[in-house]
Amino acid sequence: MAVTTMKISAEMGQGFKTTVHCSQDFIIDQPKEMGGQGLGPNPLEIFLSSLPACICAVGRIISNQRRLKVRSISVELEGDIDKDFLLGLTEEGRAGFTEIRTYVAIDADMSVEEKEAFAQEITRRCPIADNIKNTSVLVPYLK
């Protein structure tokens, strides 16, 4: 087993603007209608966008490893969330997404069965899908 520790940091500036520091720094914000400056996607969009990006990346890794001629993979995603909970307007339900649906299209010379098996292998090996499906230990430390 080869465990790697990834490190990312973030700092909140004015309003909701948060600068994330990783391999390529970026800004997470809220839209103007929610009190932000609209300088970047919001945290929920970042979370959700990591899944299709990971599906595509893992799909490419697998296709390269198996020398499959996959021309492209596209993913559409939908996530259901009760924003009243995160805004503190209700105590019923939960803060996270209650359902996340992905629609994967694979452009390759494969049968439907081969594409289904390929998609299952992608899902099995995708770290983001694994973290959504399974519980990880989240330990908040104060500095």
Protein backbone atom coordinates (compact mmCIF):
# COMPACT_ATOMS: atom_id res chain seq x y z
CA MET A 1 0.00 0.00 0.00
CA ALA A 2 1.35 3.43 -0.98
CA VAL A 3 -0.39 6.07 1.13
CA THR A 4 0.21 9.66 0.11
CA THR A 5 -0.80 12.64 2.21
CA MET A 6 -2.18 15.49 0.14
CA LYS A 7 -2.10 18.96 1.66
CA ILE A 8 -4.35 21.86 0.72
CA SER A 9 -4.93 25.11 2.56
CA ALA A 10 -7.52 27.84 2.27
CA GLU A 11 -8.05 31.28 3.70
CA MET A 12 -11.16 33.39 3.79
CA GLY A 13 -10.82 36.98 2.68
CA GLN A 14 -13.54 39.61 2.46
CA GLY A 15 -17.07 38.33 2.39
CA PHE A 16 -17.25 34.75 1.14
CA LYS A 17 -14.10 34.89 -1.02
CA THR A 18 -11.86 31.96 -0.12
CA THR A 19 -8.49 31.39 -1.76
CA VAL A 20 -7.50 27.73 -1.99
CA HIS A 21 -3.81 26.91 -2.14
CA CYS A 22 -2.89 23.67 -3.90
CA SER A 23 -1.04 22.74 -7.10
CA GLN A 24 -2.84 25.66 -8.75
CA ASP A 25 -4.43 28.28 -6.50
CA PHE A 26 -8.05 29.20 -7.14
CA ILE A 27 -10.92 31.15 -5.60
CA ILE A 28 -14.16 29.79 -4.20
CA ASP A 29 -16.92 32.35 -3.64
CA GLN A 30 -20.68 32.73 -3.52
CA PRO A 31 -22.75 34.31 -6.26
CA LYS A 32 -23.59 38.00 -5.86
CA GLU A 33 -27.23 37.20 -5.08
CA MET A 34 -26.04 35.17 -2.06
CA GLY A 35 -23.75 37.93 -0.75
CA GLY A 36 -20.57 36.93 -2.52
CA GLN A 37 -18.62 38.66 -5.25
CA GLY A 38 -19.13 35.94 -7.87
CA LEU A 39 -15.36 35.45 -8.23
CA GLY A 40 -15.53 31.68 -8.53
CA PRO A 41 -17.68 28.62 -8.05
CA ASN A 42 -19.22 28.00 -4.65
CA PRO A 43 -18.09 25.13 -2.36
CA LEU A 44 -20.97 22.87 -3.42
CA GLU A 45 -20.07 23.30 -7.09
CA ILE A 46 -16.42 22.55 -6.31
CA PHE A 47 -17.40 19.41 -4.40
CA LEU A 48 -19.72 18.16 -7.12
CA SER A 49 -17.33 19.05 -9.97
CA SER A 50 -14.60 16.91 -8.45
CA LEU A 51 -16.63 13.74 -9.18
CA PRO A 52 -17.00 14.08 -12.98
CA ALA A 53 -13.41 15.33 -13.23
CA CYS A 54 -12.22 12.26 -11.32
CA ILE A 55 -14.39 9.93 -13.41
CA CYS A 56 -12.82 11.35 -16.57
CA ALA A 57 -9.27 11.17 -15.18
CA VAL A 58 -9.62 7.61 -13.88
CA GLY A 59 -11.26 6.62 -17.16
CA ARG A 60 -8.22 7.93 -19.01
CA ILE A 61 -5.86 6.12 -16.63
CA ILE A 62 -7.68 2.82 -17.19
CA SER A 63 -7.91 3.31 -20.96
CA ASN A 64 -4.18 4.04 -21.12
CA GLN A 65 -3.34 1.03 -18.93
CA ARG A 66 -5.49 -1.31 -21.05
CA ARG A 67 -4.64 0.40 -24.35
CA LEU A 68 -8.32 1.05 -25.04
CA LYS A 69 -9.14 3.56 -27.75
CA VAL A 70 -11.41 5.80 -25.71
CA ARG A 71 -11.95 9.01 -27.64
CA SER A 72 -13.77 10.83 -24.86
CA ILE A 73 -15.74 10.51 -21.67
CA SER A 74 -18.37 13.05 -20.73
CA VAL A 75 -20.23 13.23 -17.44
CA GLU A 76 -23.36 15.11 -16.45
CA LEU A 77 -24.12 15.30 -12.76
CA GLU A 78 -27.11 16.22 -10.61
CA GLY A 79 -27.09 16.54 -6.82
CA ASP A 80 -30.05 17.01 -4.49
CA ILE A 81 -29.49 19.07 -1.33
CA ASP A 82 -31.73 20.72 1.26
CA LYS A 83 -30.33 24.24 1.45
CA ASP A 84 -32.74 25.10 4.28
CA PHE A 85 -30.69 22.81 6.53
CA LEU A 86 -27.35 24.44 5.73
CA LEU A 87 -28.92 27.89 6.16
CA GLY A 88 -30.19 26.89 9.62
CA LEU A 89 -33.86 27.20 8.64
CA THR A 90 -34.66 23.61 9.66
CA GLU A 91 -33.24 20.91 11.91
CA GLU A 92 -34.80 18.10 9.88
CA GLY A 93 -32.78 16.28 7.26
CA ARG A 94 -29.06 16.64 6.77
CA ALA A 95 -26.50 19.13 5.46
CA GLY A 96 -25.11 17.03 2.63
CA PHE A 97 -26.37 15.84 -0.72
CA THR A 98 -29.09 13.21 -0.35
CA GLU A 99 -28.59 11.87 -3.86
CA ILE A 100 -25.94 12.37 -6.52
CA ARG A 101 -26.63 11.09 -10.04
CA THR A 102 -24.01 10.78 -12.75
CA TYR A 103 -24.72 10.22 -16.43
CA VAL A 104 -21.61 8.95 -18.17
CA ALA A 105 -21.15 8.84 -21.95
CA ILE A 106 -18.16 6.91 -23.28
CA ASP A 107 -17.10 7.49 -26.88
CA ALA A 108 -15.24 4.31 -27.79
CA ASP A 109 -15.57 1.30 -30.03
CA MET A 110 -17.05 -0.89 -27.29
CA SER A 111 -20.27 -2.80 -26.88
CA VAL A 112 -22.81 -1.57 -24.34
CA GLU A 113 -21.71 -4.35 -21.99
CA GLU A 114 -18.05 -3.36 -22.34
CA LYS A 115 -18.90 0.28 -21.65
CA GLU A 116 -20.89 -0.73 -18.56
CA ALA A 117 -17.99 -2.81 -17.25
CA PHE A 118 -15.57 0.05 -18.00
CA ALA A 119 -17.82 2.53 -16.14
CA GLN A 120 -18.04 0.15 -13.16
CA GLU A 121 -14.25 -0.13 -13.04
CA ILE A 122 -13.95 3.67 -13.17
CA THR A 123 -16.39 4.03 -10.27
CA ARG A 124 -14.57 1.36 -8.26
CA ARG A 125 -11.19 3.09 -8.71
CA CYS A 126 -12.34 6.74 -8.45
CA PRO A 127 -11.20 8.22 -5.10
CA ILE A 128 -13.91 10.88 -5.15
CA ALA A 129 -16.67 8.31 -5.75
CA ASP A 130 -15.17 6.20 -2.96
CA ASN A 131 -15.20 9.17 -0.56
CA ILE A 132 -18.82 9.92 -1.41
CA LYS A 133 -19.90 6.29 -0.99
CA ASN A 134 -17.84 5.45 2.11
CA THR A 135 -17.05 7.23 5.34
CA SER A 136 -13.63 8.79 5.82
CA VAL A 137 -12.32 9.97 9.15
CA LEU A 138 -12.66 13.76 9.35
CA VAL A 139 -10.63 15.18 12.22
CA PRO A 140 -10.94 18.94 12.81
CA TYR A 141 -7.89 20.34 14.58
CA LEU A 142 -7.65 23.94 15.79
CA LYS A 143 -4.36 25.74 15.16
